[in-house]
Amino acid sequence: MLTPIAPRQSAGRGPRFDLNRWLRWATWALVAATLVGRLGEYYFVFELVSHFVVLYCVVAVFLSAYWLFTGSRLVRITTGCLLLNSFLAAPWLVADPPAAAQHDFRVLHANVLYTDTDMQRTIRLIGEQQPDLFVLQEMTPATIRALVPLRSTYPFQYEIWSKGPCHILVGSRTPFSVDKQAVKTQQVIHLTTTINGREMALVTVHPRTPVLPSWFAERNRQLAYVADLTRREPRPTLLIGDFNISVFSPVYHRIFEEEPVSQPALAACRKGFGISPTWPRFFPPGMIPIDHAFVNGGLRTVRFQPLEQPGSDHKAVVVDLKWADRS
């Protein structure tokens, strides 16, 4: 009697790849990221996943199309994620057509990356943009010394330590005075100067990346401080910096968009100019907007534009502003 021979299995061949199984896992991961990100007010890990709303929209589109094609009920879940993330991203998606608007002064902000030692690229960037004020973050004592050629155009400079090896450097064409108390207690630069005969204030800070509970709390305290300071400042004021927070974070919404009682509102300079992502420059699909500028009621934004910045993991940002009573 002949014994049936079992089919021969290829040596070393593992289980067959199951596409549906992996896409189901991806779907539930998308659901978790969408919902958990809304709890970012309470825990730093939750907030870290809140920043990638646009990326979640893209993933949800592909998953929705696949589940629709296969007739799966999961299409409802992925479509729900798409709608929620689209709702969160919608206020920042619309960009007005660029217009050649006159401005009263210009400010350039750049996170130069503390490991970059070639300051000639930064000098060229400043020379091309010709700002009235510049703010450079992640500077070091060595790179600050390398910017000596800028002293002829920007003779008034001030630097502070912000965190780790990083310093903040502000340069100005006009003399300014600095609030030393803000420097001492908060690692914040708060200065006042006169541009074209008008007095204005500038505030900048570079908080820690919120990857630890203590750093998360410290960042939130610093951001709440500068937001309150800018609202209370009686002069026309610009708040600018790498804040290590995106516009999609619940913490961002609480600090910058909720209007405190009896205090004037802040206006985000990028509003109306699109999302304008700035980091990480080396991975465009995952870029998020974490370099920000805000103005109080004394100023209006006529241009907010990210700029290519070789040598850094960020894009630089240039902001053109007008006095509000001349807009």
C-alpha atoms as a PDB file:
ATOM      1  CA  MET A   1       0.000   0.000   0.000  1.00  0.00           C
ATOM      2  CA  LEU A   2       1.396   3.354  -0.983  1.00  0.00           C
ATOM      3  CA  THR A   3       1.643   6.035   1.683  1.00  0.00           C
ATOM      4  CA  PRO A   4       0.774   9.552   0.513  1.00  0.00           C
ATOM      5  CA  ILE A   5       3.771  11.812   0.515  1.00  0.00           C
ATOM      6  CA  ALA A   6       3.267  15.076   2.391  1.00  0.00           C
ATOM      7  CA  PRO A   7       4.040  18.241   0.472  1.00  0.00           C
ATOM      8  CA  ARG A   8       7.627  19.246   0.917  1.00  0.00           C
ATOM      9  CA  GLN A   9       8.164  22.489   2.789  1.00  0.00           C
ATOM     10  CA  SER A  10      11.011  24.697   1.776  1.00  0.00           C
ATOM     11  CA  ALA A  11      13.725  24.693   4.383  1.00  0.00           C
ATOM     12  CA  GLY A  12      13.976  27.934   6.314  1.00  0.00           C
ATOM     13  CA  ARG A  13      10.743  29.402   4.949  1.00  0.00           C
ATOM     14  CA  GLY A  14       8.694  31.083   7.689  1.00  0.00           C
ATOM     15  CA  PRO A  15       4.987  31.804   7.858  1.00  0.00           C
ATOM     16  CA  ARG A  16       3.458  33.596   4.913  1.00  0.00           C
ATOM     17  CA  PHE A  17       3.232  37.392   5.156  1.00  0.00           C
ATOM     18  CA  ASP A  18      -0.341  38.411   6.043  1.00  0.00           C
ATOM     19  CA  LEU A  19      -0.983  41.903   4.667  1.00  0.00           C
ATOM     20  CA  ASN A  20      -4.440  42.216   6.200  1.00  0.00           C
ATOM     21  CA  ARG A  21      -3.101  41.379   9.626  1.00  0.00           C
ATOM     22  CA  TRP A  22      -0.418  44.089   9.459  1.00  0.00           C
ATOM     23  CA  LEU A  23      -2.852  46.673   8.128  1.00  0.00           C
ATOM     24  CA  ARG A  24      -5.267  45.892  10.959  1.00  0.00           C
ATOM     25  CA  TRP A  25      -2.467  46.576  13.428  1.00  0.00           C
ATOM     26  CA  ALA A  26      -1.696  49.810  11.560  1.00  0.00           C
ATOM     27  CA  THR A  27      -5.359  50.811  11.768  1.00  0.00           C
ATOM     28  CA  TRP A  28      -5.563  50.324  15.528  1.00  0.00           C
ATOM     29  CA  ALA A  29      -2.241  52.141  15.946  1.00  0.00           C
ATOM     30  CA  LEU A  30      -3.730  55.056  13.997  1.00  0.00           C
ATOM     31  CA  VAL A  31      -6.792  55.046  16.252  1.00  0.00           C
ATOM     32  CA  ALA A  32      -4.605  55.006  19.372  1.00  0.00           C
ATOM     33  CA  ALA A  33      -2.380  57.842  18.136  1.00  0.00           C
ATOM     34  CA  THR A  34      -5.387  59.957  17.148  1.00  0.00           C
ATOM     35  CA  LEU A  35      -7.187  59.560  20.482  1.00  0.00           C
ATOM     36  CA  VAL A  36      -4.238  59.390  22.882  1.00  0.00           C
ATOM     37  CA  GLY A  37      -2.751  62.538  21.348  1.00  0.00           C
ATOM     38  CA  ARG A  38      -5.776  64.481  22.629  1.00  0.00           C
ATOM     39  CA  LEU A  39      -4.639  63.601  26.174  1.00  0.00           C
ATOM     40  CA  GLY A  40      -1.284  65.312  25.641  1.00  0.00           C
ATOM     41  CA  GLU A  41      -2.142  67.904  28.255  1.00  0.00           C
ATOM     42  CA  TYR A  42      -1.619  65.284  30.959  1.00  0.00           C
ATOM     43  CA  TYR A  43       1.421  63.189  30.020  1.00  0.00           C
ATOM     44  CA  PHE A  44       4.474  63.865  27.886  1.00  0.00           C
ATOM     45  CA  VAL A  45       4.315  60.597  25.897  1.00  0.00           C
ATOM     46  CA  PHE A  46       0.727  61.359  24.895  1.00  0.00           C
ATOM     47  CA  GLU A  47       1.724  64.809  23.720  1.00  0.00           C
ATOM     48  CA  LEU A  48       4.601  63.447  21.636  1.00  0.00           C
ATOM     49  CA  VAL A  49       2.130  61.584  19.410  1.00  0.00           C
ATOM     50  CA  SER A  50      -0.166  64.608  19.073  1.00  0.00           C
ATOM     51  CA  HIS A  51       2.163  66.497  16.730  1.00  0.00           C
ATOM     52  CA  PHE A  52       1.783  64.347  13.594  1.00  0.00           C
ATOM     53  CA  VAL A  53      -1.822  65.103  12.659  1.00  0.00           C
ATOM     54  CA  VAL A  54      -1.052  65.695   8.967  1.00  0.00           C
ATOM     55  CA  LEU A  55       0.875  62.424   8.734  1.00  0.00           C
ATOM     56  CA  TYR A  56      -2.086  60.626  10.352  1.00  0.00           C
ATOM     57  CA  CYS A  57      -4.364  62.126   7.686  1.00  0.00           C
ATOM     58  CA  VAL A  58      -2.172  60.695   4.927  1.00  0.00           C
ATOM     59  CA  VAL A  59      -2.057  57.245   6.562  1.00  0.00           C
ATOM     60  CA  ALA A  60      -5.831  57.310   7.129  1.00  0.00           C
ATOM     61  CA  VAL A  61      -6.478  58.083   3.441  1.00  0.00           C
ATOM     62  CA  PHE A  62      -4.536  55.012   2.304  1.00  0.00           C
ATOM     63  CA  LEU A  63      -6.038  52.731   4.945  1.00  0.00           C
ATOM     64  CA  SER A  64      -9.566  53.958   4.213  1.00  0.00           C
ATOM     65  CA  ALA A  65      -9.093  53.296   0.503  1.00  0.00           C
ATOM     66  CA  TYR A  66      -7.779  49.790   1.168  1.00  0.00           C
ATOM     67  CA  TRP A  67     -10.548  48.819   3.591  1.00  0.00           C
ATOM     68  CA  LEU A  68     -13.178  50.243   1.228  1.00  0.00           C
ATOM     69  CA  PHE A  69     -11.765  48.170  -1.621  1.00  0.00           C
ATOM     70  CA  THR A  70     -11.825  44.991   0.488  1.00  0.00           C
ATOM     71  CA  GLY A  71     -15.307  45.673   1.865  1.00  0.00           C
ATOM     72  CA  SER A  72     -14.105  45.717   5.483  1.00  0.00           C
ATOM     73  CA  ARG A  73     -15.952  47.476   8.310  1.00  0.00           C
ATOM     74  CA  LEU A  74     -12.618  49.031   9.275  1.00  0.00           C
ATOM     75  CA  VAL A  75     -13.250  51.671   6.616  1.00  0.00           C
ATOM     76  CA  ARG A  76     -15.552  53.393   9.129  1.00  0.00           C
ATOM     77  CA  ILE A  77     -12.823  53.551  11.759  1.00  0.00           C
ATOM     78  CA  THR A  78     -10.137  54.885   9.445  1.00  0.00           C
ATOM     79  CA  THR A  79     -12.549  57.406   7.932  1.00  0.00           C
ATOM     80  CA  GLY A  80     -13.389  58.608  11.443  1.00  0.00           C
ATOM     81  CA  CYS A  81      -9.674  59.077  12.176  1.00  0.00           C
ATOM     82  CA  LEU A  82      -9.286  60.971   8.912  1.00  0.00           C
ATOM     83  CA  LEU A  83     -12.159  63.314   9.732  1.00  0.00           C
ATOM     84  CA  LEU A  84     -10.905  64.020  13.255  1.00  0.00           C
ATOM     85  CA  ASN A  85      -7.330  64.704  12.176  1.00  0.00           C
ATOM     86  CA  SER A  86      -8.525  66.821   9.247  1.00  0.00           C
ATOM     87  CA  PHE A  87     -10.597  68.879  11.678  1.00  0.00           C
ATOM     88  CA  LEU A  88      -7.512  69.453  13.842  1.00  0.00           C
ATOM     89  CA  ALA A  89      -5.343  70.402  10.861  1.00  0.00           C
ATOM     90  CA  ALA A  90      -7.934  72.522   9.015  1.00  0.00           C
ATOM     91  CA  PRO A  91      -7.184  75.916  10.664  1.00  0.00           C
ATOM     92  CA  TRP A  92      -3.573  75.696   9.485  1.00  0.00           C
ATOM     93  CA  LEU A  93      -4.044  74.261   5.995  1.00  0.00           C
ATOM     94  CA  VAL A  94      -5.349  77.379   4.254  1.00  0.00           C
ATOM     95  CA  ALA A  95      -2.678  79.731   2.935  1.00  0.00           C
ATOM     96  CA  ASP A  96      -3.485  83.100   1.416  1.00  0.00           C
ATOM     97  CA  PRO A  97      -1.835  83.873  -1.938  1.00  0.00           C
ATOM     98  CA  PRO A  98       1.490  85.619  -1.317  1.00  0.00           C
ATOM     99  CA  ALA A  99       1.355  89.349  -1.801  1.00  0.00           C
ATOM    100  CA  ALA A 100       4.100  91.942  -2.143  1.00  0.00           C
ATOM    101  CA  ALA A 101       3.243  93.724   1.102  1.00  0.00           C
ATOM    102  CA  GLN A 102       5.269  96.552   2.547  1.00  0.00           C
ATOM    103  CA  HIS A 103       6.699  95.927   5.989  1.00  0.00           C
ATOM    104  CA  ASP A 104       8.016  98.169   8.732  1.00  0.00           C
ATOM    105  CA  PHE A 105      10.674  95.751   9.963  1.00  0.00           C
ATOM    106  CA  ARG A 106      11.906  92.182   9.541  1.00  0.00           C
ATOM    107  CA  VAL A 107      13.032  89.526  12.032  1.00  0.00           C
ATOM    108  CA  LEU A 108      14.954  86.359  11.164  1.00  0.00           C
ATOM    109  CA  HIS A 109      14.947  83.302  13.424  1.00  0.00           C
ATOM    110  CA  ALA A 110      17.238  80.302  12.926  1.00  0.00           C
ATOM    111  CA  ASN A 111      18.065  77.214  14.958  1.00  0.00           C
ATOM    112  CA  VAL A 112      21.586  76.627  13.682  1.00  0.00           C
ATOM    113  CA  LEU A 113      22.182  73.198  15.353  1.00  0.00           C
ATOM    114  CA  TYR A 114      24.864  73.264  18.021  1.00  0.00           C
ATOM    115  CA  THR A 115      27.061  70.702  16.210  1.00  0.00           C
ATOM    116  CA  ASP A 116      27.341  72.862  13.086  1.00  0.00           C
ATOM    117  CA  THR A 117      30.552  74.909  13.118  1.00  0.00           C
ATOM    118  CA  ASP A 118      30.266  76.472   9.636  1.00  0.00           C
ATOM    119  CA  MET A 119      28.821  79.885  10.486  1.00  0.00           C
ATOM    120  CA  GLN A 120      29.513  81.240   6.991  1.00  0.00           C
ATOM    121  CA  ARG A 121      26.168  79.767   5.914  1.00  0.00           C
ATOM    122  CA  THR A 122      24.403  81.624   8.722  1.00  0.00           C
ATOM    123  CA  ILE A 123      26.239  84.849   7.879  1.00  0.00           C
ATOM    124  CA  ARG A 124      25.133  84.485   4.235  1.00  0.00           C
ATOM    125  CA  LEU A 125      21.522  83.818   5.274  1.00  0.00           C
ATOM    126  CA  ILE A 126      21.434  86.960   7.402  1.00  0.00           C
ATOM    127  CA  GLY A 127      23.102  88.958   4.635  1.00  0.00           C
ATOM    128  CA  GLU A 128      20.511  87.787   2.093  1.00  0.00           C
ATOM    129  CA  GLN A 129      17.498  88.543   4.294  1.00  0.00           C
ATOM    130  CA  GLN A 130      18.768  91.804   5.817  1.00  0.00           C
ATOM    131  CA  PRO A 131      16.640  91.594   8.992  1.00  0.00           C
ATOM    132  CA  ASP A 132      16.425  94.410  11.506  1.00  0.00           C
ATOM    133  CA  LEU A 133      16.762  91.810  14.285  1.00  0.00           C
ATOM    134  CA  PHE A 134      17.969  88.224  14.214  1.00  0.00           C
ATOM    135  CA  VAL A 135      17.533  85.419  16.750  1.00  0.00           C
ATOM    136  CA  LEU A 136      19.920  82.454  16.572  1.00  0.00           C
ATOM    137  CA  GLN A 137      19.345  79.393  18.744  1.00  0.00           C
ATOM    138  CA  GLU A 138      21.586  76.419  19.569  1.00  0.00           C
ATOM    139  CA  MET A 139      24.626  78.662  19.405  1.00  0.00           C
ATOM    140  CA  THR A 140      27.804  77.850  21.341  1.00  0.00           C
ATOM    141  CA  PRO A 141      30.568  80.158  22.599  1.00  0.00           C
ATOM    142  CA  ALA A 142      32.703  79.109  19.615  1.00  0.00           C
ATOM    143  CA  THR A 143      30.034  79.779  16.978  1.00  0.00           C
ATOM    144  CA  ILE A 144      29.141  83.090  18.618  1.00  0.00           C
ATOM    145  CA  ARG A 145      32.787  84.168  18.222  1.00  0.00           C
ATOM    146  CA  ALA A 146      32.629  83.089  14.566  1.00  0.00           C
ATOM    147  CA  LEU A 147      29.924  85.694  13.899  1.00  0.00           C
ATOM    148  CA  VAL A 148      32.273  88.627  14.466  1.00  0.00           C
ATOM    149  CA  PRO A 149      31.848  89.726  10.796  1.00  0.00           C
ATOM    150  CA  LEU A 150      28.221  90.599  11.608  1.00  0.00           C
ATOM    151  CA  ARG A 151      29.254  93.151  14.223  1.00  0.00           C
ATOM    152  CA  SER A 152      29.604  95.926  11.683  1.00  0.00           C
ATOM    153  CA  THR A 153      25.946  95.644  10.657  1.00  0.00           C
ATOM    154  CA  TYR A 154      24.541  94.349  13.948  1.00  0.00           C
ATOM    155  CA  PRO A 155      26.670  96.028  16.615  1.00  0.00           C
ATOM    156  CA  PHE A 156      24.176  95.359  19.399  1.00  0.00           C
ATOM    157  CA  GLN A 157      24.167  91.697  20.472  1.00  0.00           C
ATOM    158  CA  TYR A 158      23.189  89.749  23.551  1.00  0.00           C
ATOM    159  CA  GLU A 159      23.462  86.052  24.384  1.00  0.00           C
ATOM    160  CA  ILE A 160      22.249  83.774  27.163  1.00  0.00           C
ATOM    161  CA  TRP A 161      22.549  80.093  28.015  1.00  0.00           C
ATOM    162  CA  SER A 162      19.304  78.234  27.303  1.00  0.00           C
ATOM    163  CA  LYS A 163      19.969  74.509  27.915  1.00  0.00           C
ATOM    164  CA  GLY A 164      22.713  71.896  27.629  1.00  0.00           C
ATOM    165  CA  PRO A 165      25.401  73.219  25.262  1.00  0.00           C
ATOM    166  CA  CYS A 166      22.967  75.679  23.650  1.00  0.00           C
ATOM    167  CA  HIS A 167      22.880  79.463  23.827  1.00  0.00           C
ATOM    168  CA  ILE A 168      20.558  82.064  22.291  1.00  0.00           C
ATOM    169  CA  LEU A 169      22.055  85.035  20.460  1.00  0.00           C
ATOM    170  CA  VAL A 170      20.075  88.147  19.479  1.00  0.00           C
ATOM    171  CA  GLY A 171      21.523  90.729  17.118  1.00  0.00           C
ATOM    172  CA  SER A 172      20.115  94.172  16.346  1.00  0.00           C
ATOM    173  CA  ARG A 173      20.889  97.188  14.193  1.00  0.00           C
ATOM    174  CA  THR A 174      19.601  99.450  16.969  1.00  0.00           C
ATOM    175  CA  PRO A 175      20.489  99.578  20.683  1.00  0.00           C
ATOM    176  CA  PHE A 176      18.228  97.705  23.100  1.00  0.00           C
ATOM    177  CA  SER A 177      17.693  97.155  26.798  1.00  0.00           C
ATOM    178  CA  VAL A 178      17.247  93.694  28.349  1.00  0.00           C
ATOM    179  CA  ASP A 179      14.991  92.538  31.166  1.00  0.00           C
ATOM    180  CA  LYS A 180      17.630  90.858  33.342  1.00  0.00           C
ATOM    181  CA  GLN A 181      15.015  89.335  35.665  1.00  0.00           C
ATOM    182  CA  ALA A 182      13.547  87.278  32.805  1.00  0.00           C
ATOM    183  CA  VAL A 183      17.041  86.039  31.952  1.00  0.00           C
ATOM    184  CA  LYS A 184      17.870  85.126  35.541  1.00  0.00           C
ATOM    185  CA  THR A 185      14.637  83.345  36.454  1.00  0.00           C
ATOM    186  CA  GLN A 186      13.392  81.872  33.161  1.00  0.00           C
ATOM    187  CA  GLN A 187      16.274  81.758  30.604  1.00  0.00           C
ATOM    188  CA  VAL A 188      14.184  84.140  28.505  1.00  0.00           C
ATOM    189  CA  ILE A 189      15.367  87.153  26.492  1.00  0.00           C
ATOM    190  CA  HIS A 190      12.958  90.072  26.776  1.00  0.00           C
ATOM    191  CA  LEU A 191      14.336  93.202  25.160  1.00  0.00           C
ATOM    192  CA  THR A 192      13.035  96.558  23.997  1.00  0.00           C
ATOM    193  CA  THR A 193      14.393  98.613  21.124  1.00  0.00           C
ATOM    194  CA  THR A 194      13.394 101.385  18.731  1.00  0.00           C
ATOM    195  CA  ILE A 195      12.992 100.682  15.020  1.00  0.00           C
ATOM    196  CA  ASN A 196      12.171 103.473  12.566  1.00  0.00           C
ATOM    197  CA  GLY A 197      11.269 105.728  15.456  1.00  0.00           C
ATOM    198  CA  ARG A 198       8.854 103.244  17.045  1.00  0.00           C
ATOM    199  CA  GLU A 199       9.450 101.351  20.275  1.00  0.00           C
ATOM    200  CA  MET A 200       8.861  97.595  20.245  1.00  0.00           C
ATOM    201  CA  ALA A 201       9.708  94.513  22.293  1.00  0.00           C
ATOM    202  CA  LEU A 202      11.043  91.085  21.380  1.00  0.00           C
ATOM    203  CA  VAL A 203      10.754  87.936  23.480  1.00  0.00           C
ATOM    204  CA  THR A 204      12.509  84.642  22.746  1.00  0.00           C
ATOM    205  CA  VAL A 205      13.076  81.322  24.514  1.00  0.00           C
ATOM    206  CA  HIS A 206      14.309  77.834  23.624  1.00  0.00           C
ATOM    207  CA  PRO A 207      12.810  75.275  26.039  1.00  0.00           C
ATOM    208  CA  ARG A 208      13.882  71.682  26.448  1.00  0.00           C
ATOM    209  CA  THR A 209      12.579  68.912  24.210  1.00  0.00           C
ATOM    210  CA  PRO A 210       9.737  67.277  26.230  1.00  0.00           C
ATOM    211  CA  VAL A 211      11.036  63.699  26.285  1.00  0.00           C
ATOM    212  CA  LEU A 212      11.109  63.457  30.093  1.00  0.00           C
ATOM    213  CA  PRO A 213       8.346  64.368  32.583  1.00  0.00           C
ATOM    214  CA  SER A 214      10.478  67.086  34.185  1.00  0.00           C
ATOM    215  CA  TRP A 215      11.433  68.569  30.803  1.00  0.00           C
ATOM    216  CA  PHE A 216       7.781  68.484  29.718  1.00  0.00           C
ATOM    217  CA  ALA A 217       6.778  70.457  32.823  1.00  0.00           C
ATOM    218  CA  GLU A 218       9.693  72.877  32.438  1.00  0.00           C
ATOM    219  CA  ARG A 219       8.887  73.559  28.781  1.00  0.00           C
ATOM    220  CA  ASN A 220       5.231  74.212  29.606  1.00  0.00           C
ATOM    221  CA  ARG A 221       6.174  76.648  32.383  1.00  0.00           C
ATOM    222  CA  GLN A 222       8.505  78.600  30.111  1.00  0.00           C
ATOM    223  CA  LEU A 223       5.974  78.776  27.287  1.00  0.00           C
ATOM    224  CA  ALA A 224       3.203  79.900  29.631  1.00  0.00           C
ATOM    225  CA  TYR A 225       5.557  82.573  30.978  1.00  0.00           C
ATOM    226  CA  VAL A 226       6.490  84.031  27.564  1.00  0.00           C
ATOM    227  CA  ALA A 227       2.885  83.915  26.340  1.00  0.00           C
ATOM    228  CA  ASP A 228       1.728  85.828  29.416  1.00  0.00           C
ATOM    229  CA  LEU A 229       4.656  88.253  29.118  1.00  0.00           C
ATOM    230  CA  THR A 230       3.833  89.002  25.474  1.00  0.00           C
ATOM    231  CA  ARG A 231       0.153  89.546  26.233  1.00  0.00           C
ATOM    232  CA  ARG A 232       0.928  91.962  29.074  1.00  0.00           C
ATOM    233  CA  GLU A 233       3.656  93.895  27.260  1.00  0.00           C
ATOM    234  CA  PRO A 234       2.229  97.381  26.477  1.00  0.00           C
ATOM    235  CA  ARG A 235       4.549  97.879  23.501  1.00  0.00           C
ATOM    236  CA  PRO A 236       4.113  96.185  20.107  1.00  0.00           C
ATOM    237  CA  THR A 237       5.756  92.806  20.773  1.00  0.00           C
ATOM    238  CA  LEU A 238       7.035  89.828  18.822  1.00  0.00           C
ATOM    239  CA  LEU A 239       7.462  86.438  20.527  1.00  0.00           C
ATOM    240  CA  ILE A 240       9.631  84.101  18.469  1.00  0.00           C
ATOM    241  CA  GLY A 241      11.643  80.897  18.928  1.00  0.00           C
ATOM    242  CA  ASP A 242      11.972  77.148  18.646  1.00  0.00           C
ATOM    243  CA  PHE A 243       9.340  76.157  21.209  1.00  0.00           C
ATOM    244  CA  ASN A 244       9.577  72.358  20.782  1.00  0.00           C
ATOM    245  CA  ILE A 245       5.800  72.159  20.440  1.00  0.00           C
ATOM    246  CA  SER A 246       3.580  71.962  17.352  1.00  0.00           C
ATOM    247  CA  VAL A 247       0.340  73.737  16.555  1.00  0.00           C
ATOM    248  CA  PHE A 248      -1.507  70.403  16.958  1.00  0.00           C
ATOM    249  CA  SER A 249      -0.613  69.917  20.617  1.00  0.00           C
ATOM    250  CA  PRO A 250      -3.345  70.339  23.272  1.00  0.00           C
ATOM    251  CA  VAL A 251      -0.732  72.181  25.352  1.00  0.00           C
ATOM    252  CA  TYR A 252      -0.163  74.641  22.486  1.00  0.00           C
ATOM    253  CA  HIS A 253      -3.901  75.237  22.298  1.00  0.00           C
ATOM    254  CA  ARG A 254      -4.163  75.926  26.028  1.00  0.00           C
ATOM    255  CA  ILE A 255      -1.168  78.262  26.228  1.00  0.00           C
ATOM    256  CA  PHE A 256      -1.399  80.203  22.981  1.00  0.00           C
ATOM    257  CA  GLU A 257      -4.982  79.988  21.703  1.00  0.00           C
ATOM    258  CA  GLU A 258      -7.182  80.094  24.779  1.00  0.00           C
ATOM    259  CA  GLU A 259      -7.698  83.745  25.651  1.00  0.00           C
ATOM    260  CA  PRO A 260      -7.240  84.564  29.349  1.00  0.00           C
ATOM    261  CA  VAL A 261      -9.825  86.818  30.936  1.00  0.00           C
ATOM    262  CA  SER A 262      -8.893  90.533  30.770  1.00  0.00           C
ATOM    263  CA  GLN A 263      -5.777  89.865  28.646  1.00  0.00           C
ATOM    264  CA  PRO A 264      -5.365  90.609  24.920  1.00  0.00           C
ATOM    265  CA  ALA A 265      -5.109  87.711  22.502  1.00  0.00           C
ATOM    266  CA  LEU A 266      -1.950  86.566  20.761  1.00  0.00           C
ATOM    267  CA  ALA A 267      -1.893  86.205  16.978  1.00  0.00           C
ATOM    268  CA  ALA A 268       0.129  83.369  15.456  1.00  0.00           C
ATOM    269  CA  CYS A 269       2.231  84.806  12.642  1.00  0.00           C
ATOM    270  CA  ARG A 270       1.958  81.612  10.548  1.00  0.00           C
ATOM    271  CA  LYS A 271      -1.873  81.749  10.578  1.00  0.00           C
ATOM    272  CA  GLY A 272      -2.941  82.340   6.984  1.00  0.00           C
ATOM    273  CA  PHE A 273       0.426  81.231   5.588  1.00  0.00           C
ATOM    274  CA  GLY A 274      -0.197  77.481   5.806  1.00  0.00           C
ATOM    275  CA  ILE A 275       1.245  74.952   8.233  1.00  0.00           C
ATOM    276  CA  SER A 276       4.822  75.970   7.315  1.00  0.00           C
ATOM    277  CA  PRO A 277       6.610  72.991   8.934  1.00  0.00           C
ATOM    278  CA  THR A 278      10.177  73.621  10.081  1.00  0.00           C
ATOM    279  CA  TRP A 279      11.533  70.370  11.614  1.00  0.00           C
ATOM    280  CA  PRO A 280      13.031  67.829  10.890  1.00  0.00           C
ATOM    281  CA  ARG A 281      14.363  69.249   7.651  1.00  0.00           C
ATOM    282  CA  PHE A 282      16.086  65.960   6.778  1.00  0.00           C
ATOM    283  CA  PHE A 283      12.753  64.021   6.763  1.00  0.00           C
ATOM    284  CA  PRO A 284      10.155  66.055   4.819  1.00  0.00           C
ATOM    285  CA  PRO A 285       7.253  63.545   5.204  1.00  0.00           C
ATOM    286  CA  GLY A 286       7.421  63.893   8.989  1.00  0.00           C
ATOM    287  CA  MET A 287       8.064  67.635   9.238  1.00  0.00           C
ATOM    288  CA  ILE A 288       6.058  69.538  11.839  1.00  0.00           C
ATOM    289  CA  PRO A 289       5.794  73.250  12.765  1.00  0.00           C
ATOM    290  CA  ILE A 290       7.738  73.806  16.000  1.00  0.00           C
ATOM    291  CA  ASP A 291       9.417  77.157  15.240  1.00  0.00           C
ATOM    292  CA  HIS A 292       6.871  79.849  16.031  1.00  0.00           C
ATOM    293  CA  ALA A 293       6.233  83.573  16.043  1.00  0.00           C
ATOM    294  CA  PHE A 294       3.394  85.449  17.752  1.00  0.00           C
ATOM    295  CA  VAL A 295       2.466  89.114  18.005  1.00  0.00           C
ATOM    296  CA  ASN A 296       0.319  91.057  20.422  1.00  0.00           C
ATOM    297  CA  GLY A 297      -2.162  93.718  19.341  1.00  0.00           C
ATOM    298  CA  GLY A 298       0.510  96.242  18.408  1.00  0.00           C
ATOM    299  CA  LEU A 299       1.771  94.357  15.328  1.00  0.00           C
ATOM    300  CA  ARG A 300       0.443  92.691  12.181  1.00  0.00           C
ATOM    301  CA  THR A 301       2.156  89.966  10.138  1.00  0.00           C
ATOM    302  CA  VAL A 302       2.552  90.509   6.398  1.00  0.00           C
ATOM    303  CA  ARG A 303       4.925  87.598   5.752  1.00  0.00           C
ATOM    304  CA  PHE A 304       5.827  84.349   7.493  1.00  0.00           C
ATOM    305  CA  GLN A 305       8.136  82.122   5.486  1.00  0.00           C
ATOM    306  CA  PRO A 306      10.356  79.127   6.286  1.00  0.00           C
ATOM    307  CA  LEU A 307      13.768  79.244   4.586  1.00  0.00           C
ATOM    308  CA  GLU A 308      16.232  76.521   3.687  1.00  0.00           C
ATOM    309  CA  GLN A 309      19.070  76.427   6.186  1.00  0.00           C
ATOM    310  CA  PRO A 310      21.932  74.091   5.197  1.00  0.00           C
ATOM    311  CA  GLY A 311      23.728  72.499   8.140  1.00  0.00           C
ATOM    312  CA  SER A 312      20.715  72.546  10.456  1.00  0.00           C
ATOM    313  CA  ASP A 313      17.895  70.109  11.184  1.00  0.00           C
ATOM    314  CA  HIS A 314      15.491  73.081  11.148  1.00  0.00           C
ATOM    315  CA  LYS A 315      14.336  75.530   8.552  1.00  0.00           C
ATOM    316  CA  ALA A 316      14.900  79.169   9.383  1.00  0.00           C
ATOM    317  CA  VAL A 317      11.929  81.535   9.568  1.00  0.00           C
ATOM    318  CA  VAL A 318      11.633  85.118   8.352  1.00  0.00           C
ATOM    319  CA  VAL A 319       8.805  87.339   9.597  1.00  0.00           C
ATOM    320  CA  ASP A 320       7.842  90.705   8.112  1.00  0.00           C
ATOM    321  CA  LEU A 321       5.781  92.938  10.380  1.00  0.00           C
ATOM    322  CA  LYS A 322       3.848  96.191  10.324  1.00  0.00           C
ATOM    323  CA  TRP A 323       2.740  98.455  13.124  1.00  0.00           C
ATOM    324  CA  ALA A 324      -0.922  97.648  13.761  1.00  0.00           C
ATOM    325  CA  ASP A 325      -2.051 101.267  13.504  1.00  0.00           C
ATOM    326  CA  ARG A 326      -0.574 101.455  10.003  1.00  0.00           C
ATOM    327  CA  SER A 327      -2.052  98.203   8.665  1.00  0.00           C
END
